[in-house]
Amino acid sequence: MDDWTQTLGTAPLLAIAAGAIALILVLIIWLKVHAFLALIIVSLVTAFVAGIPVSAIVSTLTGGFGTTLGTVALLVALGAMLGRLIEHSGGAQSLAETFVRIFGEKRAPFALGIVSLILGFPMFFDAGLVMMLPIIFAIARRVSGNNVLLFGLPAAAAFSVMHVFLPPHPGPVTASELYGANLGLLLIVGLIIAFPIWYLSGYVWGKFIARRIVLPVPALFGDIDADQPNNPPKPGTVIAVLLLPMLLIFLNTGLTTLGSAGVVDTDNIVVQVLVLLGNSPVALLITVLVATVVFGFRRGENGTALEKVVDSALGPVCSVILITGAGGMFGAVLRASGIGDALADSLGDLGLPVIVAAYVIAVILRLAQGSATVALVTAAGLAAPAVLAGGFSPLQVVAITLATAAGSVFAGHVNDSGFWLVGRLMGMDVKTTLKTWTVQQAIESVLGFIAALAVFGIGAIL
């Protein structure tokens, strides 16, 4: 780290971060400034006040913006194209009708959440959510009430839970490497705790908040076709197309995990090609091309018409992409200010039990600078020496890993790019996103920590 990041103490940096977050909320909620502009303004002011050299401010802003967009823009754009093709062909409505007929209106949110849990095992959070949105929206429109929160929140929470607690997702894998945790045991325990955490933080909370906030389904994939096609694709065809990226991504995550364990040779060209095909943007690109054939050419659509259909998906998601990138910019400024390192130095000697200290440090870092990855890696790095020297059982080490991961997801808010992604994809303003998604993330984190404590206790007995 450069010397300039050390010029301010922890207290001034925390005050700057708190003031910046408050300013964002005032600009967006009270003064009604567009979120994209508000995030850029506050990022610029924060960088200057935090003491980042003037010559480095623009590069810090654009670097954070570009890094976030590097993944988000491709996933959201390709996901929107896929969603528009499914919706335009009548496939989303066809699948929604079948889904509701099989599970019933009352059980549809639960069933959709279970499907998202399964899909979320190999798929990263943002890729899985974007892919499922057309089905979530279609079912929400099909069921009386037209409330996206009733279906969207349980599904989004399912992807979040799997992303936070289950290998081969990067968070738990990174923590397990730092702590020396058994990856197979982590996978088994993660699978056991994932369902109850999702059920309470996603399904129960989603039903509760949906009764209090009725949020109409947004037209994210363009205008809704008033006249659905006479020859919509069969539900099985839609499901097969949706499973394609999951299978491709599973190749990537599975082979990468096996490569880390030394089971497969990652230098093998065949393995490298399969890993490439399973990279989220590539997997979604392949799926969009397949969907263009299945939902377009095979149904008699010509090239020009299909081009217009796909193009119509991009306009509505441009705002989502730009605001999410600006959220990443703001988080990058806070990280560049040195707040993470200052907090880590201050929190390193709390005198708490290792599992509690790891969780608390991850929570505070998450709230302060937004990035779950930074919070996780920093907390795990601080706690790793104590864990490695503590004589803990393999099950207890797994519990500490899960506790750290739980802390890293706590209460995502305006300095987290994921906050903006979820909020804008579901058509929520900032205040509504704070009431729904931020609270859900806090509940998920606390439940995850409680589960980790229980596992830690069991590990002490066995």
Protein backbone atom coordinates (compact mmCIF):
# COMPACT_ATOMS: atom_id res chain seq x y z
CA MET A 1 0.00 0.00 0.00
CA ASP A 2 1.18 3.52 -0.75
CA ASP A 3 2.25 5.79 2.11
CA TRP A 4 -0.60 8.21 1.50
CA THR A 5 -3.16 5.64 2.60
CA GLN A 6 -1.62 5.69 6.08
CA THR A 7 -1.97 9.42 6.75
CA LEU A 8 -5.42 9.22 8.37
CA GLY A 9 -6.34 7.20 11.43
CA THR A 10 -9.22 4.77 11.80
CA ALA A 11 -11.61 7.27 13.41
CA PRO A 12 -11.28 9.93 10.67
CA LEU A 13 -11.63 7.28 7.96
CA LEU A 14 -14.75 5.85 9.61
CA ALA A 15 -16.18 9.36 9.89
CA ILE A 16 -15.48 10.00 6.20
CA ALA A 17 -17.11 6.69 5.20
CA ALA A 18 -20.17 7.35 7.37
CA GLY A 19 -20.50 10.89 6.02
CA ALA A 20 -20.19 9.67 2.42
CA ILE A 21 -22.91 7.05 2.91
CA ALA A 22 -25.18 9.62 4.56
CA LEU A 23 -24.58 12.05 1.69
CA ILE A 24 -25.55 9.41 -0.87
CA LEU A 25 -28.81 8.74 0.95
CA VAL A 26 -29.59 12.47 1.23
CA LEU A 27 -28.87 13.09 -2.46
CA ILE A 28 -30.92 10.15 -3.71
CA ILE A 29 -33.81 9.96 -1.24
CA TRP A 30 -34.29 13.59 -0.25
CA LEU A 31 -32.92 15.67 -3.13
CA LYS A 32 -33.98 13.09 -5.78
CA VAL A 33 -30.63 13.16 -7.57
CA HIS A 34 -30.23 10.25 -9.99
CA ALA A 35 -28.34 7.41 -8.31
CA PHE A 36 -25.69 7.27 -11.04
CA LEU A 37 -24.84 10.95 -10.65
CA ALA A 38 -25.03 10.82 -6.84
CA LEU A 39 -22.57 7.93 -6.64
CA ILE A 40 -20.07 9.64 -8.94
CA ILE A 41 -20.31 12.93 -7.03
CA VAL A 42 -19.88 11.31 -3.62
CA SER A 43 -17.06 9.08 -4.88
CA LEU A 44 -15.20 12.14 -6.15
CA VAL A 45 -15.72 14.12 -2.93
CA THR A 46 -14.82 11.14 -0.73
CA ALA A 47 -11.60 10.49 -2.63
CA PHE A 48 -10.56 14.12 -2.17
CA VAL A 49 -11.48 14.30 1.54
CA ALA A 50 -9.84 10.92 2.30
CA GLY A 51 -6.51 12.26 1.08
CA ILE A 52 -6.13 10.26 -2.10
CA PRO A 53 -3.66 12.22 -4.28
CA VAL A 54 -5.43 14.41 -6.81
CA SER A 55 -3.47 12.80 -9.62
CA ALA A 56 -4.78 9.36 -8.60
CA ILE A 57 -8.43 10.23 -8.01
CA VAL A 58 -9.71 9.77 -11.56
CA SER A 59 -7.83 6.52 -12.07
CA THR A 60 -9.20 5.22 -8.76
CA LEU A 61 -12.76 6.09 -9.80
CA THR A 62 -12.50 4.67 -13.30
CA GLY A 63 -10.64 1.61 -12.04
CA GLY A 64 -13.40 0.73 -9.59
CA PHE A 65 -16.06 1.46 -12.20
CA GLY A 66 -14.36 -0.63 -14.87
CA THR A 67 -13.58 -3.56 -12.60
CA THR A 68 -17.22 -3.83 -11.57
CA LEU A 69 -18.51 -3.48 -15.12
CA GLY A 70 -16.04 -6.09 -16.35
CA THR A 71 -18.34 -8.80 -15.01
CA VAL A 72 -21.65 -7.08 -14.35
CA ALA A 73 -22.13 -5.50 -17.79
CA LEU A 74 -21.66 -8.77 -19.67
CA LEU A 75 -23.82 -10.81 -17.31
CA VAL A 76 -26.69 -8.33 -17.14
CA ALA A 77 -26.67 -7.59 -20.89
CA LEU A 78 -26.53 -11.24 -21.93
CA GLY A 79 -29.04 -12.20 -19.25
CA ALA A 80 -31.42 -9.49 -20.47
CA MET A 81 -31.11 -10.78 -24.05
CA LEU A 82 -31.86 -14.30 -22.90
CA GLY A 83 -34.80 -13.09 -20.86
CA ARG A 84 -36.21 -11.07 -23.77
CA LEU A 85 -35.97 -14.06 -26.12
CA ILE A 86 -37.75 -16.32 -23.62
CA GLU A 87 -40.42 -13.72 -22.92
CA HIS A 88 -41.00 -12.71 -26.56
CA SER A 89 -41.40 -16.34 -27.63
CA GLY A 90 -44.05 -16.96 -24.98
CA GLY A 91 -41.74 -19.38 -23.20
CA ALA A 92 -41.75 -17.49 -19.91
CA GLN A 93 -45.53 -17.44 -19.73
CA SER A 94 -45.74 -21.08 -20.80
CA LEU A 95 -43.32 -22.14 -18.06
CA ALA A 96 -45.07 -19.91 -15.51
CA GLU A 97 -48.45 -21.50 -16.28
CA THR A 98 -46.98 -24.98 -15.86
CA PHE A 99 -45.11 -24.03 -12.71
CA VAL A 100 -48.21 -22.59 -11.03
CA ARG A 101 -50.35 -25.52 -12.17
CA ILE A 102 -47.93 -28.04 -10.61
CA PHE A 103 -47.13 -26.23 -7.35
CA GLY A 104 -50.12 -23.95 -6.92
CA GLU A 105 -50.08 -20.21 -6.29
CA LYS A 106 -49.39 -20.49 -2.56
CA ARG A 107 -46.43 -22.84 -2.95
CA ALA A 108 -44.95 -21.13 -6.02
CA PRO A 109 -42.57 -18.79 -4.09
CA PHE A 110 -41.22 -21.75 -2.07
CA ALA A 111 -40.79 -23.93 -5.15
CA LEU A 112 -39.07 -21.12 -7.06
CA GLY A 113 -36.68 -20.65 -4.15
CA ILE A 114 -35.82 -24.36 -4.13
CA VAL A 115 -35.11 -24.24 -7.86
CA SER A 116 -32.85 -21.24 -7.26
CA LEU A 117 -31.00 -23.10 -4.49
CA ILE A 118 -30.28 -25.94 -6.91
CA LEU A 119 -29.21 -23.62 -9.71
CA GLY A 120 -27.14 -21.59 -7.25
CA PHE A 121 -24.91 -24.53 -6.38
CA PRO A 122 -22.61 -24.07 -9.40
CA MET A 123 -23.73 -20.60 -10.54
CA PHE A 124 -22.44 -17.35 -9.12
CA PHE A 125 -24.98 -15.03 -7.53
CA ASP A 126 -25.30 -12.39 -10.24
CA ALA A 127 -25.30 -14.85 -13.16
CA GLY A 128 -27.94 -17.08 -11.57
CA LEU A 129 -30.21 -14.21 -10.60
CA VAL A 130 -30.10 -12.57 -14.02
CA MET A 131 -30.84 -15.89 -15.72
CA MET A 132 -33.86 -16.60 -13.49
CA LEU A 133 -35.43 -13.14 -13.71
CA PRO A 134 -37.67 -13.78 -16.75
CA ILE A 135 -39.19 -16.80 -14.99
CA ILE A 136 -39.52 -14.91 -11.69
CA PHE A 137 -41.25 -12.02 -13.45
CA ALA A 138 -43.56 -14.28 -15.48
CA ILE A 139 -44.70 -16.22 -12.42
CA ALA A 140 -45.17 -13.00 -10.43
CA ARG A 141 -47.38 -11.63 -13.22
CA ARG A 142 -49.29 -14.90 -13.47
CA VAL A 143 -50.15 -15.02 -9.76
CA SER A 144 -52.68 -12.55 -8.46
CA GLY A 145 -51.12 -9.52 -6.81
CA ASN A 146 -48.33 -8.97 -9.36
CA ASN A 147 -45.80 -8.48 -6.53
CA VAL A 148 -42.22 -9.13 -7.58
CA LEU A 149 -40.93 -9.23 -3.98
CA LEU A 150 -42.97 -12.34 -3.14
CA PHE A 151 -41.02 -14.31 -5.75
CA GLY A 152 -37.88 -12.27 -6.39
CA LEU A 153 -36.64 -11.99 -2.81
CA PRO A 154 -36.74 -15.75 -1.98
CA ALA A 155 -35.02 -16.54 -5.30
CA ALA A 156 -32.32 -13.87 -4.85
CA ALA A 157 -31.76 -14.99 -1.27
CA ALA A 158 -31.32 -18.59 -2.45
CA PHE A 159 -28.55 -17.59 -4.85
CA SER A 160 -26.95 -15.47 -2.13
CA VAL A 161 -26.95 -18.28 0.46
CA MET A 162 -25.37 -20.74 -1.94
CA HIS A 163 -22.80 -18.14 -3.03
CA VAL A 164 -21.82 -17.27 0.55
CA PHE A 165 -21.64 -20.68 2.24
CA LEU A 166 -21.04 -23.35 -0.40
CA PRO A 167 -17.88 -24.35 -2.26
CA PRO A 168 -16.95 -24.03 -5.10
CA HIS A 169 -17.93 -20.37 -4.74
CA PRO A 170 -14.92 -18.11 -4.15
CA GLY A 171 -15.77 -16.87 -0.64
CA PRO A 172 -15.81 -20.15 1.28
CA VAL A 173 -13.02 -21.57 -0.90
CA THR A 174 -10.74 -18.60 -0.13
CA ALA A 175 -11.46 -18.76 3.60
CA SER A 176 -10.93 -22.53 3.62
CA GLU A 177 -7.51 -22.10 2.00
CA LEU A 178 -6.43 -19.50 4.56
CA TYR A 179 -7.69 -21.56 7.49
CA GLY A 180 -6.66 -24.97 6.15
CA ALA A 181 -10.25 -26.23 6.29
CA ASN A 182 -11.30 -29.56 4.77
CA LEU A 183 -13.15 -28.59 1.59
CA GLY A 184 -15.24 -31.77 1.47
CA LEU A 185 -16.37 -31.34 5.09
CA LEU A 186 -17.09 -27.67 4.39
CA LEU A 187 -19.29 -28.69 1.47
CA ILE A 188 -21.27 -31.20 3.57
CA VAL A 189 -21.83 -28.78 6.46
CA GLY A 190 -22.65 -25.95 4.05
CA LEU A 191 -25.32 -28.07 2.38
CA ILE A 192 -26.85 -28.90 5.78
CA ILE A 193 -27.12 -25.30 6.96
CA ALA A 194 -28.01 -23.72 3.59
CA PHE A 195 -31.69 -24.72 3.58
CA PRO A 196 -32.69 -23.46 7.04
CA ILE A 197 -30.77 -20.21 6.50
CA TRP A 198 -32.54 -19.66 3.17
CA TYR A 199 -35.94 -20.70 4.54
CA LEU A 200 -35.85 -18.08 7.29
CA SER A 201 -33.91 -15.26 5.63
CA GLY A 202 -35.30 -15.71 2.13
CA TYR A 203 -38.66 -17.44 2.09
CA VAL A 204 -40.13 -16.37 5.46
CA TRP A 205 -38.71 -12.85 5.24
CA GLY A 206 -39.77 -12.55 1.60
CA LYS A 207 -43.38 -13.48 2.40
CA PHE A 208 -43.38 -11.13 5.40
CA ILE A 209 -42.09 -8.07 3.58
CA ALA A 210 -44.14 -8.76 0.43
CA ARG A 211 -47.32 -8.36 2.50
CA ARG A 212 -46.17 -4.87 3.48
CA ILE A 213 -44.57 -3.68 0.26
CA VAL A 214 -46.35 -4.42 -3.01
CA LEU A 215 -43.88 -3.89 -5.84
CA PRO A 216 -45.20 -4.36 -9.40
CA VAL A 217 -43.11 -6.45 -11.79
CA PRO A 218 -40.81 -4.15 -13.81
CA ALA A 219 -40.58 -4.29 -17.59
CA LEU A 220 -36.87 -5.07 -17.41
CA PHE A 221 -36.75 -7.01 -20.67
CA GLY A 222 -38.60 -4.38 -22.71
CA ASP A 223 -42.30 -3.84 -23.25
CA ILE A 224 -44.52 -6.78 -22.45
CA ASP A 225 -46.02 -8.36 -25.55
CA ALA A 226 -49.78 -7.95 -25.35
CA ASP A 227 -50.39 -10.81 -27.76
CA GLN A 228 -48.42 -13.89 -26.86
CA PRO A 229 -47.41 -16.18 -29.77
CA ASN A 230 -49.73 -19.00 -30.83
CA ASN A 231 -46.85 -21.48 -30.84
CA PRO A 232 -44.92 -20.86 -27.62
CA PRO A 233 -42.07 -23.25 -26.82
CA LYS A 234 -42.88 -26.12 -24.49
CA PRO A 235 -41.94 -25.70 -20.80
CA GLY A 236 -39.44 -28.55 -21.14
CA THR A 237 -37.64 -26.66 -23.90
CA VAL A 238 -37.39 -23.52 -21.77
CA ILE A 239 -36.08 -25.54 -18.82
CA ALA A 240 -33.48 -27.24 -21.03
CA VAL A 241 -32.20 -23.86 -22.26
CA LEU A 242 -32.06 -22.51 -18.69
CA LEU A 243 -30.14 -25.59 -17.54
CA LEU A 244 -27.52 -25.15 -20.27
CA PRO A 245 -25.57 -22.34 -18.56
CA MET A 246 -25.82 -24.14 -15.24
CA LEU A 247 -24.20 -27.24 -16.73
CA LEU A 248 -21.51 -25.19 -18.47
CA ILE A 249 -20.72 -23.21 -15.32
CA PHE A 250 -20.64 -26.44 -13.32
CA LEU A 251 -17.86 -27.58 -15.66
CA ASN A 252 -15.90 -24.47 -14.79
CA THR A 253 -16.38 -24.55 -11.02
CA GLY A 254 -16.11 -28.33 -10.78
CA LEU A 255 -12.94 -28.64 -12.83
CA THR A 256 -11.37 -25.64 -11.10
CA THR A 257 -12.06 -27.19 -7.71
CA LEU A 258 -10.72 -30.58 -8.83
CA GLY A 259 -7.66 -28.83 -10.23
CA SER A 260 -6.99 -27.13 -6.88
CA ALA A 261 -7.23 -30.53 -5.21
CA GLY A 262 -4.80 -32.03 -7.73
CA VAL A 263 -7.37 -34.45 -9.17
CA VAL A 264 -7.23 -33.04 -12.71
CA ASP A 265 -4.43 -31.38 -14.64
CA THR A 266 -5.37 -27.74 -15.21
CA ASP A 267 -2.60 -27.44 -17.82
CA ASN A 268 -4.43 -29.91 -20.06
CA ILE A 269 -5.84 -28.05 -23.08
CA VAL A 270 -9.16 -29.94 -22.95
CA VAL A 271 -9.63 -28.97 -19.30
CA GLN A 272 -8.75 -25.36 -20.10
CA VAL A 273 -11.30 -25.22 -22.94
CA LEU A 274 -14.04 -26.69 -20.72
CA VAL A 275 -13.20 -24.19 -17.99
CA LEU A 276 -13.39 -21.38 -20.57
CA LEU A 277 -16.79 -22.57 -21.84
CA GLY A 278 -18.04 -22.63 -18.25
CA ASN A 279 -16.94 -19.09 -17.47
CA SER A 280 -20.16 -17.19 -16.65
CA PRO A 281 -20.08 -14.64 -19.53
CA VAL A 282 -19.11 -17.31 -22.07
CA ALA A 283 -21.76 -19.73 -20.77
CA LEU A 284 -24.43 -17.04 -21.04
CA LEU A 285 -23.24 -16.07 -24.54
CA ILE A 286 -23.56 -19.69 -25.68
CA THR A 287 -27.01 -19.87 -24.10
CA VAL A 288 -28.15 -16.68 -25.84
CA LEU A 289 -27.01 -18.09 -29.20
CA VAL A 290 -28.85 -21.36 -28.53
CA ALA A 291 -31.95 -19.42 -27.43
CA THR A 292 -31.80 -17.36 -30.63
CA VAL A 293 -32.08 -20.58 -32.63
CA VAL A 294 -34.59 -22.37 -30.38
CA PHE A 295 -36.85 -19.42 -29.60
CA GLY A 296 -36.30 -17.55 -32.87
CA PHE A 297 -35.26 -19.26 -36.09
CA ARG A 298 -37.01 -22.55 -35.31
CA ARG A 299 -40.24 -20.66 -34.68
CA GLY A 300 -40.05 -18.81 -38.00
CA GLU A 301 -38.55 -15.50 -36.84
CA ASN A 302 -36.22 -13.92 -39.37
CA GLY A 303 -32.86 -12.29 -38.69
CA THR A 304 -34.02 -8.67 -38.71
CA ALA A 305 -36.93 -9.31 -36.35
CA LEU A 306 -34.71 -11.25 -33.98
CA GLU A 307 -32.10 -8.51 -34.02
CA LYS A 308 -34.76 -6.00 -32.94
CA VAL A 309 -36.02 -8.32 -30.19
CA VAL A 310 -32.53 -8.77 -28.76
CA ASP A 311 -31.72 -5.07 -29.11
CA SER A 312 -34.90 -4.12 -27.24
CA ALA A 313 -33.54 -5.88 -24.14
CA LEU A 314 -30.52 -3.59 -23.78
CA GLY A 315 -32.19 -0.22 -23.27
CA PRO A 316 -33.99 -1.04 -20.00
CA VAL A 317 -30.86 -2.54 -18.39
CA CYS A 318 -28.43 0.26 -19.24
CA SER A 319 -29.38 2.13 -16.06
CA VAL A 320 -28.91 -1.04 -14.01
CA ILE A 321 -25.44 -1.58 -15.44
CA LEU A 322 -24.26 2.01 -15.01
CA ILE A 323 -25.57 2.41 -11.45
CA THR A 324 -24.04 -0.91 -10.42
CA GLY A 325 -20.71 0.19 -11.87
CA ALA A 326 -20.96 3.48 -9.97
CA GLY A 327 -21.62 1.52 -6.78
CA GLY A 328 -18.42 -0.40 -7.45
CA MET A 329 -16.65 2.91 -7.98
CA PHE A 330 -17.73 4.17 -4.55
CA GLY A 331 -16.61 0.95 -2.88
CA ALA A 332 -13.25 1.18 -4.63
CA VAL A 333 -12.71 4.70 -3.31
CA LEU A 334 -13.39 3.55 0.24
CA ARG A 335 -10.93 0.67 -0.19
CA ALA A 336 -8.29 2.94 -1.71
CA SER A 337 -8.65 5.31 1.25
CA GLY A 338 -7.18 2.60 3.46
CA ILE A 339 -10.25 2.11 5.63
CA GLY A 340 -10.01 -1.67 5.42
CA ASP A 341 -6.42 -1.81 6.64
CA ALA A 342 -7.03 0.78 9.34
CA LEU A 343 -10.00 -1.18 10.67
CA ALA A 344 -8.11 -4.45 10.45
CA ASP A 345 -5.26 -3.03 12.53
CA SER A 346 -7.70 -1.70 15.13
CA LEU A 347 -9.78 -4.87 15.34
CA GLY A 348 -6.94 -7.37 15.36
CA ASP A 349 -6.55 -7.42 19.16
CA LEU A 350 -10.16 -7.56 20.34
CA GLY A 351 -9.53 -10.43 22.74
CA LEU A 352 -12.63 -12.27 21.53
CA PRO A 353 -12.92 -16.00 20.82
CA VAL A 354 -11.51 -16.69 17.36
CA ILE A 355 -14.85 -17.57 15.74
CA VAL A 356 -16.50 -14.43 17.17
CA ALA A 357 -13.59 -12.18 16.26
CA ALA A 358 -13.53 -13.45 12.66
CA TYR A 359 -17.25 -12.77 12.29
CA VAL A 360 -17.16 -9.31 13.90
CA ILE A 361 -14.18 -8.18 11.84
CA ALA A 362 -15.84 -9.39 8.61
CA VAL A 363 -19.09 -7.60 9.53
CA ILE A 364 -17.42 -4.27 10.29
CA LEU A 365 -15.29 -4.40 7.16
CA ARG A 366 -18.33 -5.28 5.06
CA LEU A 367 -20.30 -2.33 6.43
CA ALA A 368 -17.37 0.06 6.06
CA GLN A 369 -16.18 -0.60 2.52
CA GLY A 370 -18.85 -2.74 0.82
CA SER A 371 -16.89 -5.55 -0.78
CA ALA A 372 -17.75 -8.96 0.65
CA THR A 373 -14.56 -10.41 -0.84
CA VAL A 374 -12.34 -7.81 0.84
CA ALA A 375 -14.15 -8.29 4.16
CA LEU A 376 -13.78 -12.05 3.94
CA VAL A 377 -10.13 -12.15 2.89
CA THR A 378 -9.07 -9.50 5.42
CA ALA A 379 -10.91 -11.13 8.33
CA ALA A 380 -9.64 -14.59 7.42
CA GLY A 381 -6.09 -13.29 7.03
CA LEU A 382 -6.21 -11.76 10.51
CA ALA A 383 -7.72 -14.84 12.14
CA ALA A 384 -5.69 -17.45 10.22
CA PRO A 385 -2.65 -17.54 12.55
CA ALA A 386 -4.87 -18.10 15.58
CA VAL A 387 -6.88 -20.75 13.75
CA LEU A 388 -3.82 -22.62 12.50
CA ALA A 389 -2.19 -22.57 15.94
CA GLY A 390 -5.35 -23.11 17.96
CA GLY A 391 -5.55 -26.89 17.87
CA PHE A 392 -9.13 -26.82 16.58
CA SER A 393 -10.83 -29.95 15.25
CA PRO A 394 -11.55 -30.15 11.51
CA LEU A 395 -15.24 -29.46 12.18
CA GLN A 396 -14.41 -26.40 14.27
CA VAL A 397 -12.18 -25.02 11.51
CA VAL A 398 -15.10 -25.46 9.10
CA ALA A 399 -17.31 -23.58 11.56
CA ILE A 400 -14.85 -20.66 11.71
CA THR A 401 -14.75 -20.61 7.90
CA LEU A 402 -18.55 -20.41 7.72
CA ALA A 403 -18.65 -17.70 10.42
CA THR A 404 -16.20 -15.54 8.46
CA ALA A 405 -18.20 -16.02 5.27
CA ALA A 406 -21.39 -15.11 7.14
CA GLY A 407 -19.86 -11.87 8.38
CA SER A 408 -18.78 -10.87 4.89
CA VAL A 409 -22.39 -10.73 3.63
CA PHE A 410 -23.87 -8.66 6.46
CA ALA A 411 -26.31 -5.87 5.47
CA GLY A 412 -25.07 -4.91 2.01
CA HIS A 413 -25.94 -1.26 1.38
CA VAL A 414 -25.03 1.67 -0.86
CA ASN A 415 -21.27 0.97 -0.97
CA ASP A 416 -21.89 -2.54 -2.33
CA SER A 417 -22.36 -2.99 -6.08
CA GLY A 418 -24.61 -6.01 -5.39
CA PHE A 419 -27.04 -3.73 -3.54
CA TRP A 420 -27.56 -1.69 -6.69
CA LEU A 421 -27.72 -4.76 -8.91
CA VAL A 422 -30.53 -6.41 -6.94
CA GLY A 423 -32.42 -3.19 -6.33
CA ARG A 424 -32.40 -2.00 -9.93
CA LEU A 425 -33.08 -5.41 -11.46
CA MET A 426 -36.24 -5.66 -9.37
CA GLY A 427 -37.27 -2.06 -9.93
CA MET A 428 -36.71 -0.90 -6.32
CA ASP A 429 -35.68 2.56 -5.20
CA VAL A 430 -32.95 3.00 -2.58
CA LYS A 431 -35.29 3.18 0.40
CA THR A 432 -37.13 0.01 -0.62
CA THR A 433 -33.88 -1.84 -1.30
CA LEU A 434 -32.65 -0.94 2.19
CA LYS A 435 -35.90 -2.19 3.73
CA THR A 436 -35.89 -5.46 1.81
CA TRP A 437 -32.50 -6.60 0.53
CA THR A 438 -30.25 -5.00 3.16
CA VAL A 439 -32.37 -6.51 5.93
CA GLN A 440 -32.39 -9.89 4.19
CA GLN A 441 -28.59 -9.87 3.99
CA ALA A 442 -28.37 -8.99 7.69
CA ILE A 443 -30.73 -11.84 8.64
CA GLU A 444 -28.81 -14.26 6.42
CA SER A 445 -25.53 -13.23 8.05
CA VAL A 446 -26.78 -13.57 11.63
CA LEU A 447 -28.41 -16.94 10.95
CA GLY A 448 -25.21 -18.13 9.28
CA PHE A 449 -23.21 -17.10 12.34
CA ILE A 450 -25.63 -18.88 14.69
CA ALA A 451 -25.36 -22.02 12.56
CA ALA A 452 -21.56 -21.74 12.60
CA LEU A 453 -21.57 -21.44 16.40
CA ALA A 454 -23.71 -24.58 16.62
CA VAL A 455 -21.31 -26.47 14.36
CA PHE A 456 -18.37 -25.18 16.40
CA GLY A 457 -19.99 -26.49 19.57
CA ILE A 458 -20.61 -29.89 18.00
CA GLY A 459 -16.98 -29.97 16.86
CA ALA A 460 -15.84 -29.34 20.43
CA ILE A 461 -17.88 -32.31 21.69
CA LEU A 462 -16.93 -34.83 19.00
